[in-house]
Amino acid sequence: MPMGVSGWAVWTVCALNGLLFLALIALIPIILSLRSALGVTERAMADWREAAQQALAPTPAELLRLRDRLRESRRTLDRWQRRLQFWQGIRRVAVWLRRRL
């Protein structure tokens, strides 16, 4: 019984599908190893992230120094605000005297 062109095409497509299936089966170990490598990489990145957070976290001594610097900055700012208010008061008095005289 002679096979037509469409019969060969069907067998060719089936053969190619079979080859693709065998290739996928052959790739399963590689895919699984890539999956485990991805898991190892993910754990390593989590470890690095935790180490970096601990390394970058300020120590209690640094926090105390920052608090002291903030207090000193606040004192300096208050001092300059009082000076500014003093000179603004003097300017107001000068303007008031200029208008009166």
Protein backbone atom coordinates (compact mmCIF):
# COMPACT_ATOMS: atom_id res chain seq x y z
CA MET A 1 0.00 0.00 0.00
CA PRO A 2 1.62 3.21 -1.17
CA MET A 3 1.90 6.05 1.32
CA GLY A 4 1.01 9.53 0.15
CA VAL A 5 2.80 12.79 0.89
CA SER A 6 0.48 13.53 3.79
CA GLY A 7 1.27 10.13 5.35
CA TRP A 8 5.01 10.87 5.33
CA ALA A 9 4.38 14.30 6.77
CA VAL A 10 2.42 12.78 9.66
CA TRP A 11 5.20 10.24 10.37
CA THR A 12 7.82 12.97 10.14
CA VAL A 13 5.94 15.19 12.58
CA CYS A 14 5.46 12.25 14.96
CA ALA A 15 9.17 11.39 14.75
CA LEU A 16 10.17 14.99 15.44
CA ASN A 17 7.78 15.13 18.40
CA GLY A 18 9.33 11.91 19.72
CA LEU A 19 12.82 13.37 19.36
CA LEU A 20 11.72 16.53 21.18
CA PHE A 21 10.25 14.39 23.97
CA LEU A 22 13.51 12.44 24.30
CA ALA A 23 15.49 15.69 24.36
CA LEU A 24 13.26 17.01 27.16
CA ILE A 25 13.76 13.79 29.12
CA ALA A 26 17.53 14.16 28.62
CA LEU A 27 17.33 17.74 29.92
CA ILE A 28 15.52 16.82 33.17
CA PRO A 29 18.74 16.23 35.19
CA ILE A 30 20.19 19.50 33.91
CA ILE A 31 17.01 21.39 34.82
CA LEU A 32 17.00 19.83 38.29
CA SER A 33 20.66 20.73 38.86
CA LEU A 34 19.96 24.30 37.72
CA ARG A 35 17.04 24.40 40.14
CA SER A 36 19.24 23.27 43.04
CA ALA A 37 21.94 25.75 42.00
CA LEU A 38 19.33 28.49 42.02
CA GLY A 39 18.31 27.45 45.54
CA VAL A 40 21.95 27.57 46.69
CA THR A 41 22.34 31.01 45.11
CA GLU A 42 19.18 32.23 46.80
CA ARG A 43 20.41 31.04 50.21
CA ALA A 44 23.82 32.64 49.61
CA MET A 45 22.20 35.95 48.69
CA ALA A 46 20.05 35.81 51.83
CA ASP A 47 23.20 35.17 53.91
CA TRP A 48 25.00 38.10 52.24
CA ARG A 49 21.99 40.35 52.79
CA GLU A 50 21.87 39.44 56.47
CA ALA A 51 25.63 39.97 56.85
CA ALA A 52 25.43 43.34 55.10
CA GLN A 53 22.54 44.47 57.30
CA GLN A 54 24.48 43.51 60.41
CA ALA A 55 27.62 45.22 59.11
CA LEU A 56 25.78 48.42 58.23
CA ALA A 57 23.68 48.60 61.37
CA PRO A 58 24.92 51.35 63.69
CA THR A 59 26.44 50.20 66.95
CA PRO A 60 25.12 51.52 70.27
CA ALA A 61 28.23 53.69 70.61
CA GLU A 62 27.60 55.22 67.18
CA LEU A 63 23.97 55.87 68.09
CA LEU A 64 25.09 57.64 71.28
CA ARG A 65 27.55 59.79 69.30
CA LEU A 66 24.82 60.65 66.79
CA ARG A 67 22.45 61.58 69.63
CA ASP A 68 25.11 63.82 71.20
CA ARG A 69 25.84 65.50 67.86
CA LEU A 70 22.13 66.08 67.33
CA ARG A 71 21.81 67.68 70.75
CA GLU A 72 24.82 69.90 70.08
CA SER A 73 23.39 70.89 66.69
CA ARG A 74 20.09 71.71 68.36
CA ARG A 75 21.88 73.89 70.93
CA THR A 76 23.80 75.69 68.19
CA LEU A 77 20.62 76.26 66.21
CA ASP A 78 18.84 77.64 69.29
CA ARG A 79 21.78 79.97 69.95
CA TRP A 80 21.72 81.32 66.38
CA GLN A 81 17.94 81.73 66.46
CA ARG A 82 18.24 83.82 69.65
CA ARG A 83 20.96 85.97 68.01
CA LEU A 84 18.79 86.44 64.96
CA GLN A 85 15.82 87.44 67.10
CA PHE A 86 18.02 89.89 69.02
CA TRP A 87 19.25 91.58 65.83
CA GLN A 88 15.75 91.60 64.36
CA GLY A 89 14.57 93.37 67.53
CA ILE A 90 17.35 95.95 67.19
CA ARG A 91 16.41 96.48 63.53
CA ARG A 92 12.75 97.00 64.50
CA VAL A 93 13.78 99.56 67.12
CA ALA A 94 15.99 101.31 64.53
CA VAL A 95 13.14 101.41 62.00
CA TRP A 96 10.76 102.67 64.69
CA LEU A 97 13.24 105.41 65.72
CA ARG A 98 13.80 106.42 62.09
CA ARG A 99 10.05 106.86 61.61
CA ARG A 100 9.69 108.87 64.83
CA LEU A 101 12.58 111.22 64.18
